Amino acid sequence: MNLVHRKLCASAWWARRVGEILPGWLEGLRLGDDVLEIGPGFGATTRVLVDRVPTLTSLEIDEPSVRGLRAQFGERVEIVHGDGTAMPFPDGRFSAVVCFTMLHHVPSAQLQDRLFAEVRRVCARGACSALWTADPACRSACCTSTTPWSYSTP
């Protein structure tokens, strides 16, 4: 993440906007009781999710962000340092996998495909997945699914 991007994503303005917008995106999704969030960054989306689901795990690749998230959320969220293209979780563990505004940080279509394959692997059968990014250069600008076996683009 470049410096401007870091400042934006860490800002009170960004946290406020995410808090206004994300609940509407989540409406109607059955996230279940064990949710994985990929790429929480500074935690704006995590703040929205943490009180909506019984168990939340967040996977973050950036070590300084991991430390910040652990300080911010303590025991309320399991913060795991790791890569979305090689997740350290068992097959079928999660009732839902979500990621918001981070797919544009995955630098190639091949790595995006690996991330999507990992999402499919860690989702329980019948799980929900919601992956969203505003960057049209990404392989999938917006995809949501009620099963990990197929993704639909609205």
C-alpha atoms as a PDB file:
ATOM      1  CA  MET A   1       0.000   0.000   0.000  1.00  0.00           C
ATOM      2  CA  ASN A   2       1.410   3.397  -0.853  1.00  0.00           C
ATOM      3  CA  LEU A   3       1.552   6.263   1.654  1.00  0.00           C
ATOM      4  CA  VAL A   4      -1.527   8.099   0.324  1.00  0.00           C
ATOM      5  CA  HIS A   5      -3.533   4.872   0.367  1.00  0.00           C
ATOM      6  CA  ARG A   6      -2.370   4.124   3.934  1.00  0.00           C
ATOM      7  CA  LYS A   7      -3.409   7.598   5.113  1.00  0.00           C
ATOM      8  CA  LEU A   8      -6.827   7.293   3.473  1.00  0.00           C
ATOM      9  CA  CYS A   9      -7.538   3.807   4.831  1.00  0.00           C
ATOM     10  CA  ALA A  10      -6.429   4.795   8.342  1.00  0.00           C
ATOM     11  CA  SER A  11      -8.530   7.974   8.378  1.00  0.00           C
ATOM     12  CA  ALA A  12     -11.623   8.692  10.450  1.00  0.00           C
ATOM     13  CA  TRP A  13     -13.359   9.689   7.206  1.00  0.00           C
ATOM     14  CA  TRP A  14     -12.772   6.217   5.702  1.00  0.00           C
ATOM     15  CA  ALA A  15     -13.933   4.448   8.876  1.00  0.00           C
ATOM     16  CA  ARG A  16     -17.097   6.578   8.901  1.00  0.00           C
ATOM     17  CA  ARG A  17     -17.832   5.876   5.204  1.00  0.00           C
ATOM     18  CA  VAL A  18     -17.298   2.141   5.663  1.00  0.00           C
ATOM     19  CA  GLY A  19     -19.594   2.241   8.706  1.00  0.00           C
ATOM     20  CA  GLU A  20     -22.277   3.924   6.598  1.00  0.00           C
ATOM     21  CA  ILE A  21     -21.964   1.702   3.512  1.00  0.00           C
ATOM     22  CA  LEU A  22     -20.953  -1.787   4.650  1.00  0.00           C
ATOM     23  CA  PRO A  23     -24.108  -2.635   6.642  1.00  0.00           C
ATOM     24  CA  GLY A  24     -26.144  -2.227   3.440  1.00  0.00           C
ATOM     25  CA  TRP A  25     -23.798  -4.546   1.544  1.00  0.00           C
ATOM     26  CA  LEU A  26     -24.172  -7.154   4.270  1.00  0.00           C
ATOM     27  CA  GLU A  27     -27.965  -6.980   4.348  1.00  0.00           C
ATOM     28  CA  GLY A  28     -29.488 -10.240   3.276  1.00  0.00           C
ATOM     29  CA  LEU A  29     -26.246 -12.242   3.517  1.00  0.00           C
ATOM     30  CA  ARG A  30     -26.397 -15.230   5.844  1.00  0.00           C
ATOM     31  CA  LEU A  31     -22.889 -15.081   7.253  1.00  0.00           C
ATOM     32  CA  GLY A  32     -23.350 -17.834   9.818  1.00  0.00           C
ATOM     33  CA  ASP A  33     -21.370 -18.303  12.999  1.00  0.00           C
ATOM     34  CA  ASP A  34     -17.712 -18.563  11.903  1.00  0.00           C
ATOM     35  CA  VAL A  35     -16.679 -15.822   9.455  1.00  0.00           C
ATOM     36  CA  LEU A  36     -13.321 -15.160   7.802  1.00  0.00           C
ATOM     37  CA  GLU A  37     -12.435 -11.638   6.699  1.00  0.00           C
ATOM     38  CA  ILE A  38      -9.531 -11.368   4.252  1.00  0.00           C
ATOM     39  CA  GLY A  39      -7.405  -8.215   4.199  1.00  0.00           C
ATOM     40  CA  PRO A  40      -8.849  -6.037   6.951  1.00  0.00           C
ATOM     41  CA  GLY A  41      -5.987  -3.530   6.744  1.00  0.00           C
ATOM     42  CA  PHE A  42      -6.633  -0.906   9.418  1.00  0.00           C
ATOM     43  CA  GLY A  43      -9.852  -2.569  10.599  1.00  0.00           C
ATOM     44  CA  ALA A  44     -12.644  -0.312   9.303  1.00  0.00           C
ATOM     45  CA  THR A  45     -14.594  -3.286   7.931  1.00  0.00           C
ATOM     46  CA  THR A  46     -13.688  -5.404  10.959  1.00  0.00           C
ATOM     47  CA  ARG A  47     -15.355  -2.824  13.234  1.00  0.00           C
ATOM     48  CA  VAL A  48     -18.595  -3.312  11.301  1.00  0.00           C
ATOM     49  CA  LEU A  49     -18.371  -7.116  11.254  1.00  0.00           C
ATOM     50  CA  VAL A  50     -17.280  -7.852  14.832  1.00  0.00           C
ATOM     51  CA  ASP A  51     -20.674  -7.244  16.446  1.00  0.00           C
ATOM     52  CA  ARG A  52     -22.616  -8.960  13.646  1.00  0.00           C
ATOM     53  CA  VAL A  53     -21.144 -12.462  13.873  1.00  0.00           C
ATOM     54  CA  PRO A  54     -20.412 -14.818  16.787  1.00  0.00           C
ATOM     55  CA  THR A  55     -16.855 -15.684  15.655  1.00  0.00           C
ATOM     56  CA  LEU A  56     -14.708 -13.504  13.407  1.00  0.00           C
ATOM     57  CA  THR A  57     -11.248 -14.362  12.115  1.00  0.00           C
ATOM     58  CA  SER A  58      -9.320 -11.764  10.111  1.00  0.00           C
ATOM     59  CA  LEU A  59      -6.426 -12.735   7.816  1.00  0.00           C
ATOM     60  CA  GLU A  60      -3.942  -9.934   7.137  1.00  0.00           C
ATOM     61  CA  ILE A  61      -0.676 -10.144   5.186  1.00  0.00           C
ATOM     62  CA  ASP A  62       0.928  -6.931   6.511  1.00  0.00           C
ATOM     63  CA  GLU A  63       2.684  -7.511   9.858  1.00  0.00           C
ATOM     64  CA  PRO A  64       2.382  -3.892  11.146  1.00  0.00           C
ATOM     65  CA  SER A  65      -1.351  -4.015  10.366  1.00  0.00           C
ATOM     66  CA  VAL A  66      -1.621  -7.334  12.230  1.00  0.00           C
ATOM     67  CA  ARG A  67      -0.093  -5.738  15.328  1.00  0.00           C
ATOM     68  CA  GLY A  68      -2.455  -2.767  15.061  1.00  0.00           C
ATOM     69  CA  LEU A  69      -5.501  -5.000  14.619  1.00  0.00           C
ATOM     70  CA  ARG A  70      -4.546  -7.161  17.600  1.00  0.00           C
ATOM     71  CA  ALA A  71      -4.150  -4.039  19.750  1.00  0.00           C
ATOM     72  CA  GLN A  72      -7.471  -2.661  18.516  1.00  0.00           C
ATOM     73  CA  PHE A  73      -9.628  -5.796  18.818  1.00  0.00           C
ATOM     74  CA  GLY A  74      -7.893  -7.905  21.464  1.00  0.00           C
ATOM     75  CA  GLU A  75      -9.722 -11.181  22.050  1.00  0.00           C
ATOM     76  CA  ARG A  76     -12.853 -10.098  20.152  1.00  0.00           C
ATOM     77  CA  VAL A  77     -11.333 -11.079  16.777  1.00  0.00           C
ATOM     78  CA  GLU A  78      -8.762 -13.749  15.964  1.00  0.00           C
ATOM     79  CA  ILE A  79      -6.190 -11.855  13.901  1.00  0.00           C
ATOM     80  CA  VAL A  80      -4.022 -14.172  11.788  1.00  0.00           C
ATOM     81  CA  HIS A  81      -0.893 -13.075   9.936  1.00  0.00           C
ATOM     82  CA  GLY A  82      -0.971 -14.790   6.560  1.00  0.00           C
ATOM     83  CA  ASP A  83      -1.512 -14.712   2.813  1.00  0.00           C
ATOM     84  CA  GLY A  84      -4.942 -15.091   1.207  1.00  0.00           C
ATOM     85  CA  THR A  85      -3.420 -17.123  -1.618  1.00  0.00           C
ATOM     86  CA  ALA A  86      -2.190 -19.777   0.866  1.00  0.00           C
ATOM     87  CA  MET A  87      -4.525 -19.674   3.870  1.00  0.00           C
ATOM     88  CA  PRO A  88      -3.487 -21.442   7.083  1.00  0.00           C
ATOM     89  CA  PHE A  89      -6.974 -22.837   7.750  1.00  0.00           C
ATOM     90  CA  PRO A  90      -8.514 -26.285   7.327  1.00  0.00           C
ATOM     91  CA  ASP A  91     -10.811 -27.112   4.429  1.00  0.00           C
ATOM     92  CA  GLY A  92     -14.441 -26.180   4.988  1.00  0.00           C
ATOM     93  CA  ARG A  93     -13.925 -24.303   8.264  1.00  0.00           C
ATOM     94  CA  PHE A  94     -15.854 -21.074   7.648  1.00  0.00           C
ATOM     95  CA  SER A  95     -19.566 -20.370   7.325  1.00  0.00           C
ATOM     96  CA  ALA A  96     -18.692 -17.265   5.275  1.00  0.00           C
ATOM     97  CA  VAL A  97     -15.678 -15.550   3.760  1.00  0.00           C
ATOM     98  CA  VAL A  98     -15.713 -11.814   3.096  1.00  0.00           C
ATOM     99  CA  CYS A  99     -13.270  -9.249   1.806  1.00  0.00           C
ATOM    100  CA  PHE A 100     -13.940  -5.637   1.021  1.00  0.00           C
ATOM    101  CA  THR A 101     -11.855  -3.064  -0.848  1.00  0.00           C
ATOM    102  CA  MET A 102      -8.684  -5.146  -0.898  1.00  0.00           C
ATOM    103  CA  LEU A 103      -8.739  -7.269  -4.048  1.00  0.00           C
ATOM    104  CA  HIS A 104      -6.968  -4.523  -5.984  1.00  0.00           C
ATOM    105  CA  HIS A 105      -3.913  -5.221  -3.795  1.00  0.00           C
ATOM    106  CA  VAL A 106      -3.622  -8.733  -5.250  1.00  0.00           C
ATOM    107  CA  PRO A 107      -1.125  -7.955  -8.037  1.00  0.00           C
ATOM    108  CA  SER A 108      -2.025 -10.438 -10.782  1.00  0.00           C
ATOM    109  CA  ALA A 109      -4.910 -12.403 -12.236  1.00  0.00           C
ATOM    110  CA  GLN A 110      -3.052 -15.622 -11.346  1.00  0.00           C
ATOM    111  CA  LEU A 111      -2.827 -14.615  -7.678  1.00  0.00           C
ATOM    112  CA  GLN A 112      -6.455 -13.478  -7.686  1.00  0.00           C
ATOM    113  CA  ASP A 113      -7.412 -16.918  -9.002  1.00  0.00           C
ATOM    114  CA  ARG A 114      -5.366 -18.549  -6.209  1.00  0.00           C
ATOM    115  CA  LEU A 115      -7.120 -16.363  -3.638  1.00  0.00           C
ATOM    116  CA  PHE A 116     -10.551 -17.330  -5.053  1.00  0.00           C
ATOM    117  CA  ALA A 117      -9.540 -21.022  -4.973  1.00  0.00           C
ATOM    118  CA  GLU A 118      -8.515 -20.633  -1.326  1.00  0.00           C
ATOM    119  CA  VAL A 119     -11.848 -18.972  -0.523  1.00  0.00           C
ATOM    120  CA  ARG A 120     -13.596 -21.946  -2.048  1.00  0.00           C
ATOM    121  CA  ARG A 121     -11.401 -24.371  -0.096  1.00  0.00           C
ATOM    122  CA  VAL A 122     -11.956 -22.829   3.358  1.00  0.00           C
ATOM    123  CA  CYS A 123     -15.713 -22.304   2.905  1.00  0.00           C
ATOM    124  CA  ALA A 124     -18.002 -24.941   4.333  1.00  0.00           C
ATOM    125  CA  ARG A 125     -20.405 -26.473   1.810  1.00  0.00           C
ATOM    126  CA  GLY A 126     -23.284 -24.052   1.410  1.00  0.00           C
ATOM    127  CA  ALA A 127     -21.236 -21.184   2.862  1.00  0.00           C
ATOM    128  CA  CYS A 128     -21.596 -17.587   1.783  1.00  0.00           C
ATOM    129  CA  SER A 129     -18.803 -15.572   0.214  1.00  0.00           C
ATOM    130  CA  ALA A 130     -18.812 -11.852  -0.498  1.00  0.00           C
ATOM    131  CA  LEU A 131     -15.810 -10.334  -2.256  1.00  0.00           C
ATOM    132  CA  TRP A 132     -15.981  -6.693  -3.287  1.00  0.00           C
ATOM    133  CA  THR A 133     -13.621  -4.159  -4.774  1.00  0.00           C
ATOM    134  CA  ALA A 134     -14.148  -0.857  -6.510  1.00  0.00           C
ATOM    135  CA  ASP A 135     -11.243  -1.375  -8.928  1.00  0.00           C
ATOM    136  CA  PRO A 136     -12.483  -2.535 -12.365  1.00  0.00           C
ATOM    137  CA  ALA A 137      -8.986  -3.798 -13.229  1.00  0.00           C
ATOM    138  CA  CYS A 138      -9.533  -6.719 -10.863  1.00  0.00           C
ATOM    139  CA  ARG A 139     -10.556 -10.030 -12.329  1.00  0.00           C
ATOM    140  CA  SER A 140     -13.885  -9.778 -10.535  1.00  0.00           C
ATOM    141  CA  ALA A 141     -15.125  -6.290  -9.738  1.00  0.00           C
ATOM    142  CA  CYS A 142     -17.840  -7.633  -7.489  1.00  0.00           C
ATOM    143  CA  CYS A 143     -18.861 -11.165  -6.793  1.00  0.00           C
ATOM    144  CA  THR A 144     -21.068 -12.709  -4.191  1.00  0.00           C
ATOM    145  CA  SER A 145     -22.156 -16.273  -3.835  1.00  0.00           C
ATOM    146  CA  THR A 146     -24.318 -18.376  -1.590  1.00  0.00           C
ATOM    147  CA  THR A 147     -22.105 -21.372  -2.250  1.00  0.00           C
ATOM    148  CA  PRO A 148     -18.339 -21.603  -2.563  1.00  0.00           C
ATOM    149  CA  TRP A 149     -18.647 -23.613  -5.761  1.00  0.00           C
ATOM    150  CA  SER A 150     -19.778 -20.828  -8.065  1.00  0.00           C
ATOM    151  CA  TYR A 151     -19.397 -17.069  -8.159  1.00  0.00           C
ATOM    152  CA  SER A 152     -21.767 -14.706  -9.877  1.00  0.00           C
ATOM    153  CA  THR A 153     -20.984 -11.213 -11.072  1.00  0.00           C
ATOM    154  CA  PRO A 154     -23.944  -8.833 -10.833  1.00  0.00           C
END
